All heavy atoms as atom14 arrays in JSON, in Angstrom:
{
  "sequence": "QALAEYVTTAREMKAFAIFAPDSAYGHTAAEAFQAAVEGLG",
  "atom14_mask": [
    [1, 1, 1, 1, 1, 1, 1, 1, 1, 0, 0, 0, 0, 0],
    [1, 1, 1, 1, 1, 0, 0, 0, 0, 0, 0, 0, 0, 0],
    [1, 1, 1, 1, 1, 1, 1, 1, 0, 0, 0, 0, 0, 0],
    [1, 1, 1, 1, 1, 0, 0, 0, 0, 0, 0, 0, 0, 0],
    [1, 1, 1, 1, 1, 1, 1, 1, 1, 0, 0, 0, 0, 0],
    [1, 1, 1, 1, 1, 1, 1, 1, 1, 1, 1, 1, 0, 0],
    [1, 1, 1, 1, 1, 1, 1, 0, 0, 0, 0, 0, 0, 0],
    [1, 1, 1, 1, 1, 1, 1, 0, 0, 0, 0, 0, 0, 0],
    [1, 1, 1, 1, 1, 1, 1, 0, 0, 0, 0, 0, 0, 0],
    [1, 1, 1, 1, 1, 0, 0, 0, 0, 0, 0, 0, 0, 0],
    [1, 1, 1, 1, 1, 1, 1, 1, 1, 1, 1, 0, 0, 0],
    [1, 1, 1, 1, 1, 1, 1, 1, 1, 0, 0, 0, 0, 0],
    [1, 1, 1, 1, 1, 1, 1, 1, 0, 0, 0, 0, 0, 0],
    [1, 1, 1, 1, 1, 1, 1, 1, 1, 0, 0, 0, 0, 0],
    [1, 1, 1, 1, 1, 0, 0, 0, 0, 0, 0, 0, 0, 0],
    [1, 1, 1, 1, 1, 1, 1, 1, 1, 1, 1, 0, 0, 0],
    [1, 1, 1, 1, 1, 0, 0, 0, 0, 0, 0, 0, 0, 0],
    [1, 1, 1, 1, 1, 1, 1, 1, 0, 0, 0, 0, 0, 0],
    [1, 1, 1, 1, 1, 1, 1, 1, 1, 1, 1, 0, 0, 0],
    [1, 1, 1, 1, 1, 0, 0, 0, 0, 0, 0, 0, 0, 0],
    [1, 1, 1, 1, 1, 1, 1, 0, 0, 0, 0, 0, 0, 0],
    [1, 1, 1, 1, 1, 1, 1, 1, 0, 0, 0, 0, 0, 0],
    [1, 1, 1, 1, 1, 1, 0, 0, 0, 0, 0, 0, 0, 0],
    [1, 1, 1, 1, 1, 0, 0, 0, 0, 0, 0, 0, 0, 0],
    [1, 1, 1, 1, 1, 1, 1, 1, 1, 1, 1, 1, 0, 0],
    [1, 1, 1, 1, 0, 0, 0, 0, 0, 0, 0, 0, 0, 0],
    [1, 1, 1, 1, 1, 1, 1, 1, 1, 1, 0, 0, 0, 0],
    [1, 1, 1, 1, 1, 1, 1, 0, 0, 0, 0, 0, 0, 0],
    [1, 1, 1, 1, 1, 0, 0, 0, 0, 0, 0, 0, 0, 0],
    [1, 1, 1, 1, 1, 0, 0, 0, 0, 0, 0, 0, 0, 0],
    [1, 1, 1, 1, 1, 1, 1, 1, 1, 0, 0, 0, 0, 0],
    [1, 1, 1, 1, 1, 0, 0, 0, 0, 0, 0, 0, 0, 0],
    [1, 1, 1, 1, 1, 1, 1, 1, 1, 1, 1, 0, 0, 0],
    [1, 1, 1, 1, 1, 1, 1, 1, 1, 0, 0, 0, 0, 0],
    [1, 1, 1, 1, 1, 0, 0, 0, 0, 0, 0, 0, 0, 0],
    [1, 1, 1, 1, 1, 0, 0, 0, 0, 0, 0, 0, 0, 0],
    [1, 1, 1, 1, 1, 1, 1, 0, 0, 0, 0, 0, 0, 0],
    [1, 1, 1, 1, 1, 1, 1, 1, 1, 0, 0, 0, 0, 0],
    [1, 1, 1, 1, 0, 0, 0, 0, 0, 0, 0, 0, 0, 0],
    [1, 1, 1, 1, 1, 1, 1, 1, 0, 0, 0, 0, 0, 0],
    [1, 1, 1, 1, 0, 0, 0, 0, 0, 0, 0, 0, 0, 0]
  ],
  "atom14_positions": [
    [[44.98, 56.77, 55.99], [44.34, 56.24, 54.78], [43.95, 54.77, 54.98], [42.83, 54.36, 54.66], [45.3, 56.37, 53.6], [44.84, 55.69, 52.31], [43.72, 56.43, 51.61], [43.68, 57.66, 51.66], [42.83, 55.71, 50.95], [0.0, 0.0, 0.0], [0.0, 0.0, 0.0], [0.0, 0.0, 0.0], [0.0, 0.0, 0.0], [0.0, 0.0, 0.0]],
    [[44.87, 53.98, 55.52], [44.6, 52.56, 55.75], [43.46, 52.37, 56.75], [42.58, 51.51, 56.57], [45.86, 51.86, 56.26], [0.0, 0.0, 0.0], [0.0, 0.0, 0.0], [0.0, 0.0, 0.0], [0.0, 0.0, 0.0], [0.0, 0.0, 0.0], [0.0, 0.0, 0.0], [0.0, 0.0, 0.0], [0.0, 0.0, 0.0], [0.0, 0.0, 0.0]],
    [[43.46, 53.18, 57.8], [42.41, 53.09, 58.81], [41.06, 53.43, 58.21], [40.06, 52.72, 58.44], [42.72, 54.04, 59.97], [41.7, 54.08, 61.11], [41.68, 52.76, 61.87], [42.0, 55.23, 62.06], [0.0, 0.0, 0.0], [0.0, 0.0, 0.0], [0.0, 0.0, 0.0], [0.0, 0.0, 0.0], [0.0, 0.0, 0.0], [0.0, 0.0, 0.0]],
    [[41.01, 54.5, 57.43], [39.75, 54.91, 56.8], [39.21, 53.82, 55.88], [38.01, 53.54, 55.88], [39.95, 56.22, 56.02], [0.0, 0.0, 0.0], [0.0, 0.0, 0.0], [0.0, 0.0, 0.0], [0.0, 0.0, 0.0], [0.0, 0.0, 0.0], [0.0, 0.0, 0.0], [0.0, 0.0, 0.0], [0.0, 0.0, 0.0], [0.0, 0.0, 0.0]],
    [[40.09, 53.22, 55.12], [39.66, 52.15, 54.22], [39.07, 50.98, 55.01], [38.06, 50.39, 54.62], [40.84, 51.68, 53.37], [41.28, 52.7, 52.33], [42.53, 52.26, 51.58], [43.05, 51.16, 51.9], [42.97, 53.0, 50.69], [0.0, 0.0, 0.0], [0.0, 0.0, 0.0], [0.0, 0.0, 0.0], [0.0, 0.0, 0.0], [0.0, 0.0, 0.0]],
    [[39.71, 50.65, 56.13], [39.25, 49.51, 56.93], [37.89, 49.78, 57.58], [36.97, 48.97, 57.47], [40.28, 49.18, 58.01], [39.82, 48.1, 58.95], [39.71, 46.78, 58.53], [39.47, 48.4, 60.27], [39.26, 45.8, 59.39], [39.02, 47.43, 61.13], [38.93, 46.12, 60.68], [38.49, 45.14, 61.54], [0.0, 0.0, 0.0], [0.0, 0.0, 0.0]],
    [[37.75, 50.92, 58.24], [36.5, 51.15, 58.99], [35.32, 51.42, 58.07], [34.17, 51.13, 58.43], [36.66, 52.29, 60.01], [37.66, 51.9, 61.09], [37.07, 53.6, 59.35], [0.0, 0.0, 0.0], [0.0, 0.0, 0.0], [0.0, 0.0, 0.0], [0.0, 0.0, 0.0], [0.0, 0.0, 0.0], [0.0, 0.0, 0.0], [0.0, 0.0, 0.0]],
    [[35.58, 51.97, 56.89], [34.46, 52.23, 55.98], [34.04, 51.0, 55.19], [32.9, 50.92, 54.74], [34.8, 53.37, 54.98], [35.98, 53.02, 54.26], [34.99, 54.68, 55.71], [0.0, 0.0, 0.0], [0.0, 0.0, 0.0], [0.0, 0.0, 0.0], [0.0, 0.0, 0.0], [0.0, 0.0, 0.0], [0.0, 0.0, 0.0], [0.0, 0.0, 0.0]],
    [[34.94, 50.06, 55.03], [34.6, 48.85, 54.27], [34.31, 47.68, 55.19], [33.18, 47.18, 55.23], [35.74, 48.49, 53.3], [36.98, 48.38, 54.02], [35.89, 49.55, 52.23], [0.0, 0.0, 0.0], [0.0, 0.0, 0.0], [0.0, 0.0, 0.0], [0.0, 0.0, 0.0], [0.0, 0.0, 0.0], [0.0, 0.0, 0.0], [0.0, 0.0, 0.0]],
    [[35.29, 47.23, 55.97], [35.09, 46.06, 56.83], [34.09, 46.35, 57.94], [33.33, 45.46, 58.34], [36.44, 45.63, 57.43], [0.0, 0.0, 0.0], [0.0, 0.0, 0.0], [0.0, 0.0, 0.0], [0.0, 0.0, 0.0], [0.0, 0.0, 0.0], [0.0, 0.0, 0.0], [0.0, 0.0, 0.0], [0.0, 0.0, 0.0], [0.0, 0.0, 0.0]],
    [[34.07, 47.57, 58.46], [33.17, 47.91, 59.57], [31.92, 48.68, 59.12], [31.05, 48.96, 59.93], [33.92, 48.73, 60.62], [34.99, 47.93, 61.37], [34.39, 46.71, 62.06], [35.36, 46.01, 62.88], [35.56, 46.23, 64.18], [34.85, 47.15, 64.81], [36.45, 45.54, 64.84], [0.0, 0.0, 0.0], [0.0, 0.0, 0.0], [0.0, 0.0, 0.0]],
    [[31.89, 49.04, 57.86], [30.73, 49.73, 57.27], [30.35, 51.01, 58.02], [29.17, 51.34, 58.15], [29.53, 48.78, 57.19], [29.79, 47.57, 56.3], [28.58, 46.68, 56.17], [27.65, 46.8, 56.99], [28.56, 45.85, 55.24], [0.0, 0.0, 0.0], [0.0, 0.0, 0.0], [0.0, 0.0, 0.0], [0.0, 0.0, 0.0], [0.0, 0.0, 0.0]],
    [[31.33, 51.72, 58.52], [31.1, 53.02, 59.16], [31.1, 54.1, 58.07], [31.88, 54.03, 57.13], [32.18, 53.31, 60.19], [32.22, 52.34, 61.35], [33.59, 52.72, 62.5], [33.37, 51.43, 63.72], [0.0, 0.0, 0.0], [0.0, 0.0, 0.0], [0.0, 0.0, 0.0], [0.0, 0.0, 0.0], [0.0, 0.0, 0.0], [0.0, 0.0, 0.0]],
    [[30.26, 55.08, 58.24], [30.13, 56.11, 57.2], [30.35, 57.54, 57.71], [30.73, 58.42, 56.95], [28.74, 56.03, 56.56], [28.45, 54.69, 55.87], [29.46, 54.41, 54.76], [29.19, 53.07, 54.08], [30.25, 52.72, 53.11], [0.0, 0.0, 0.0], [0.0, 0.0, 0.0], [0.0, 0.0, 0.0], [0.0, 0.0, 0.0], [0.0, 0.0, 0.0]],
    [[30.08, 57.77, 58.98], [30.19, 59.13, 59.53], [31.13, 59.12, 60.73], [31.1, 58.19, 61.54], [28.82, 59.65, 59.92], [0.0, 0.0, 0.0], [0.0, 0.0, 0.0], [0.0, 0.0, 0.0], [0.0, 0.0, 0.0], [0.0, 0.0, 0.0], [0.0, 0.0, 0.0], [0.0, 0.0, 0.0], [0.0, 0.0, 0.0], [0.0, 0.0, 0.0]],
    [[31.92, 60.19, 60.87], [32.95, 60.22, 61.9], [33.07, 61.61, 62.51], [32.71, 62.61, 61.9], [34.3, 59.82, 61.3], [34.3, 58.49, 60.63], [33.96, 58.38, 59.28], [34.6, 57.34, 61.33], [33.94, 57.15, 58.64], [34.57, 56.09, 60.7], [34.24, 56.0, 59.37], [0.0, 0.0, 0.0], [0.0, 0.0, 0.0], [0.0, 0.0, 0.0]],
    [[33.61, 61.62, 63.74], [34.05, 62.85, 64.38], [35.57, 62.77, 64.5], [36.14, 61.68, 64.55], [33.42, 63.01, 65.75], [0.0, 0.0, 0.0], [0.0, 0.0, 0.0], [0.0, 0.0, 0.0], [0.0, 0.0, 0.0], [0.0, 0.0, 0.0], [0.0, 0.0, 0.0], [0.0, 0.0, 0.0], [0.0, 0.0, 0.0], [0.0, 0.0, 0.0]],
    [[36.21, 63.92, 64.53], [37.67, 63.96, 64.71], [37.98, 64.78, 65.96], [37.52, 65.92, 66.11], [38.36, 64.59, 63.49], [38.14, 63.74, 62.24], [39.85, 64.77, 63.75], [38.71, 64.33, 60.97], [0.0, 0.0, 0.0], [0.0, 0.0, 0.0], [0.0, 0.0, 0.0], [0.0, 0.0, 0.0], [0.0, 0.0, 0.0], [0.0, 0.0, 0.0]],
    [[38.74, 64.19, 66.86], [39.19, 64.84, 68.09], [40.71, 64.67, 68.12], [41.21, 63.59, 68.41], [38.54, 64.19, 69.3], [38.63, 64.99, 70.58], [38.34, 66.34, 70.6], [38.97, 64.38, 71.78], [38.4, 67.08, 71.78], [39.02, 65.09, 72.97], [38.74, 66.45, 72.97], [0.0, 0.0, 0.0], [0.0, 0.0, 0.0], [0.0, 0.0, 0.0]],
    [[41.44, 65.73, 67.78], [42.87, 65.6, 67.54], [43.65, 66.72, 68.22], [43.11, 67.81, 68.47], [43.15, 65.61, 66.04], [0.0, 0.0, 0.0], [0.0, 0.0, 0.0], [0.0, 0.0, 0.0], [0.0, 0.0, 0.0], [0.0, 0.0, 0.0], [0.0, 0.0, 0.0], [0.0, 0.0, 0.0], [0.0, 0.0, 0.0], [0.0, 0.0, 0.0]],
    [[44.93, 66.48, 68.52], [45.76, 67.53, 69.11], [46.01, 68.66, 68.13], [46.12, 68.42, 66.92], [47.06, 66.79, 69.47], [47.09, 65.62, 68.55], [45.66, 65.22, 68.35], [0.0, 0.0, 0.0], [0.0, 0.0, 0.0], [0.0, 0.0, 0.0], [0.0, 0.0, 0.0], [0.0, 0.0, 0.0], [0.0, 0.0, 0.0], [0.0, 0.0, 0.0]],
    [[46.11, 69.86, 68.66], [46.37, 71.04, 67.83], [47.88, 71.13, 67.59], [48.57, 72.0, 68.13], [45.84, 72.29, 68.53], [45.84, 73.5, 67.61], [46.16, 73.35, 66.42], [45.52, 74.6, 68.09], [0.0, 0.0, 0.0], [0.0, 0.0, 0.0], [0.0, 0.0, 0.0], [0.0, 0.0, 0.0], [0.0, 0.0, 0.0], [0.0, 0.0, 0.0]],
    [[48.38, 70.23, 66.78], [49.81, 70.14, 66.48], [49.95, 69.78, 65.01], [48.97, 69.42, 64.34], [50.47, 69.06, 67.34], [49.92, 67.78, 67.05], [0.0, 0.0, 0.0], [0.0, 0.0, 0.0], [0.0, 0.0, 0.0], [0.0, 0.0, 0.0], [0.0, 0.0, 0.0], [0.0, 0.0, 0.0], [0.0, 0.0, 0.0], [0.0, 0.0, 0.0]],
    [[51.18, 69.85, 64.5], [51.41, 69.47, 63.1], [50.99, 68.03, 62.87], [50.36, 67.7, 61.86], [52.88, 69.66, 62.76], [0.0, 0.0, 0.0], [0.0, 0.0, 0.0], [0.0, 0.0, 0.0], [0.0, 0.0, 0.0], [0.0, 0.0, 0.0], [0.0, 0.0, 0.0], [0.0, 0.0, 0.0], [0.0, 0.0, 0.0], [0.0, 0.0, 0.0]],
    [[51.31, 67.15, 63.81], [50.94, 65.74, 63.69], [49.42, 65.59, 63.67], [48.87, 64.89, 62.82], [51.53, 64.96, 64.86], [51.11, 63.5, 64.92], [51.82, 62.53, 64.23], [50.0, 63.11, 65.66], [51.45, 61.2, 64.27], [49.62, 61.78, 65.71], [50.35, 60.83, 65.01], [49.95, 59.51, 65.06], [0.0, 0.0, 0.0], [0.0, 0.0, 0.0]],
    [[48.74, 66.27, 64.62], [47.29, 66.16, 64.69], [46.6, 66.66, 63.45], [45.66, 66.02, 62.94], [0.0, 0.0, 0.0], [0.0, 0.0, 0.0], [0.0, 0.0, 0.0], [0.0, 0.0, 0.0], [0.0, 0.0, 0.0], [0.0, 0.0, 0.0], [0.0, 0.0, 0.0], [0.0, 0.0, 0.0], [0.0, 0.0, 0.0], [0.0, 0.0, 0.0]],
    [[47.05, 67.79, 62.92], [46.43, 68.34, 61.72], [46.71, 67.46, 60.49], [45.82, 67.26, 59.66], [46.92, 69.77, 61.48], [46.26, 70.78, 62.37], [45.07, 71.39, 62.04], [46.61, 71.27, 63.59], [44.72, 72.23, 63.0], [45.63, 72.17, 63.96], [0.0, 0.0, 0.0], [0.0, 0.0, 0.0], [0.0, 0.0, 0.0], [0.0, 0.0, 0.0]],
    [[47.93, 66.95, 60.39], [48.26, 66.07, 59.27], [47.38, 64.82, 59.28], [46.81, 64.43, 58.25], [49.74, 65.65, 59.33], [50.56, 66.8, 59.14], [50.07, 64.62, 58.26], [0.0, 0.0, 0.0], [0.0, 0.0, 0.0], [0.0, 0.0, 0.0], [0.0, 0.0, 0.0], [0.0, 0.0, 0.0], [0.0, 0.0, 0.0], [0.0, 0.0, 0.0]],
    [[47.27, 64.2, 60.46], [46.47, 62.98, 60.57], [45.0, 63.27, 60.29], [44.32, 62.51, 59.59], [46.65, 62.37, 61.95], [0.0, 0.0, 0.0], [0.0, 0.0, 0.0], [0.0, 0.0, 0.0], [0.0, 0.0, 0.0], [0.0, 0.0, 0.0], [0.0, 0.0, 0.0], [0.0, 0.0, 0.0], [0.0, 0.0, 0.0], [0.0, 0.0, 0.0]],
    [[44.5, 64.37, 60.84], [43.08, 64.71, 60.67], [42.76, 64.99, 59.2], [41.74, 64.52, 58.67], [42.73, 65.92, 61.52], [0.0, 0.0, 0.0], [0.0, 0.0, 0.0], [0.0, 0.0, 0.0], [0.0, 0.0, 0.0], [0.0, 0.0, 0.0], [0.0, 0.0, 0.0], [0.0, 0.0, 0.0], [0.0, 0.0, 0.0], [0.0, 0.0, 0.0]],
    [[43.61, 65.76, 58.55], [43.37, 66.09, 57.14], [43.42, 64.84, 56.26], [42.61, 64.67, 55.35], [44.41, 67.11, 56.67], [44.21, 68.5, 57.28], [45.4, 69.41, 57.07], [46.31, 69.01, 56.3], [45.44, 70.5, 57.67], [0.0, 0.0, 0.0], [0.0, 0.0, 0.0], [0.0, 0.0, 0.0], [0.0, 0.0, 0.0], [0.0, 0.0, 0.0]],
    [[44.39, 63.95, 56.55], [44.5, 62.73, 55.76], [43.3, 61.82, 55.98], [42.76, 61.24, 55.03], [45.79, 61.99, 56.12], [0.0, 0.0, 0.0], [0.0, 0.0, 0.0], [0.0, 0.0, 0.0], [0.0, 0.0, 0.0], [0.0, 0.0, 0.0], [0.0, 0.0, 0.0], [0.0, 0.0, 0.0], [0.0, 0.0, 0.0], [0.0, 0.0, 0.0]],
    [[42.86, 61.71, 57.23], [41.71, 60.86, 57.53], [40.45, 61.41, 56.87], [39.66, 60.66, 56.27], [41.52, 60.75, 59.04], [40.42, 59.81, 59.46], [40.59, 58.44, 59.4], [39.2, 60.31, 59.92], [39.58, 57.56, 59.78], [38.18, 59.44, 60.31], [38.37, 58.07, 60.23], [0.0, 0.0, 0.0], [0.0, 0.0, 0.0], [0.0, 0.0, 0.0]],
    [[40.24, 62.71, 56.97], [39.06, 63.32, 56.36], [39.07, 63.13, 54.85], [38.04, 62.76, 54.26], [38.98, 64.81, 56.69], [37.78, 65.5, 56.04], [37.53, 66.89, 56.58], [38.08, 67.29, 57.6], [36.69, 67.66, 55.9], [0.0, 0.0, 0.0], [0.0, 0.0, 0.0], [0.0, 0.0, 0.0], [0.0, 0.0, 0.0], [0.0, 0.0, 0.0]],
    [[40.21, 63.36, 54.22], [40.3, 63.2, 52.76], [40.0, 61.76, 52.36], [39.29, 61.51, 51.37], [41.68, 63.61, 52.28], [0.0, 0.0, 0.0], [0.0, 0.0, 0.0], [0.0, 0.0, 0.0], [0.0, 0.0, 0.0], [0.0, 0.0, 0.0], [0.0, 0.0, 0.0], [0.0, 0.0, 0.0], [0.0, 0.0, 0.0], [0.0, 0.0, 0.0]],
    [[40.53, 60.82, 53.14], [40.32, 59.4, 52.82], [38.86, 59.01, 53.01], [38.27, 58.33, 52.17], [41.22, 58.53, 53.69], [0.0, 0.0, 0.0], [0.0, 0.0, 0.0], [0.0, 0.0, 0.0], [0.0, 0.0, 0.0], [0.0, 0.0, 0.0], [0.0, 0.0, 0.0], [0.0, 0.0, 0.0], [0.0, 0.0, 0.0], [0.0, 0.0, 0.0]],
    [[38.26, 59.45, 54.11], [36.86, 59.12, 54.39], [35.95, 59.69, 53.31], [35.07, 58.99, 52.78], [36.46, 59.66, 55.78], [34.94, 59.68, 55.95], [37.08, 58.81, 56.88], [0.0, 0.0, 0.0], [0.0, 0.0, 0.0], [0.0, 0.0, 0.0], [0.0, 0.0, 0.0], [0.0, 0.0, 0.0], [0.0, 0.0, 0.0], [0.0, 0.0, 0.0]],
    [[36.15, 60.95, 52.99], [35.3, 61.58, 51.98], [35.51, 60.96, 50.6], [34.56, 60.84, 49.82], [35.56, 63.09, 51.95], [35.09, 63.79, 53.23], [35.42, 65.26, 53.29], [36.22, 65.73, 52.44], [34.91, 65.95, 54.17], [0.0, 0.0, 0.0], [0.0, 0.0, 0.0], [0.0, 0.0, 0.0], [0.0, 0.0, 0.0], [0.0, 0.0, 0.0]],
    [[36.74, 60.54, 50.33], [37.01, 59.88, 49.07], [36.34, 58.52, 48.96], [36.1, 58.01, 47.86], [0.0, 0.0, 0.0], [0.0, 0.0, 0.0], [0.0, 0.0, 0.0], [0.0, 0.0, 0.0], [0.0, 0.0, 0.0], [0.0, 0.0, 0.0], [0.0, 0.0, 0.0], [0.0, 0.0, 0.0], [0.0, 0.0, 0.0], [0.0, 0.0, 0.0]],
    [[36.0, 57.94, 50.11], [35.33, 56.64, 50.15], [33.82, 56.78, 50.35], [33.13, 55.79, 50.6], [35.92, 55.79, 51.29], [37.38, 55.35, 51.07], [38.02, 54.92, 52.38], [37.45, 54.23, 50.04], [0.0, 0.0, 0.0], [0.0, 0.0, 0.0], [0.0, 0.0, 0.0], [0.0, 0.0, 0.0], [0.0, 0.0, 0.0], [0.0, 0.0, 0.0]],
    [[33.33, 58.0, 50.24], [31.89, 58.23, 50.34], [31.38, 58.5, 51.73], [30.17, 58.63, 51.92], [0.0, 0.0, 0.0], [0.0, 0.0, 0.0], [0.0, 0.0, 0.0], [0.0, 0.0, 0.0], [0.0, 0.0, 0.0], [0.0, 0.0, 0.0], [0.0, 0.0, 0.0], [0.0, 0.0, 0.0], [0.0, 0.0, 0.0], [0.0, 0.0, 0.0]]
  ]
}
């Protein structure tokens, strides 16, 4: 969530790809990042 807020505001990034391990950690991080990014437009 913190990373998404930073890159979308301070870095003005809007579109992203996700390349993550197929593990509980990878899926948790990916889902949280996607939700945060989409919530920020």
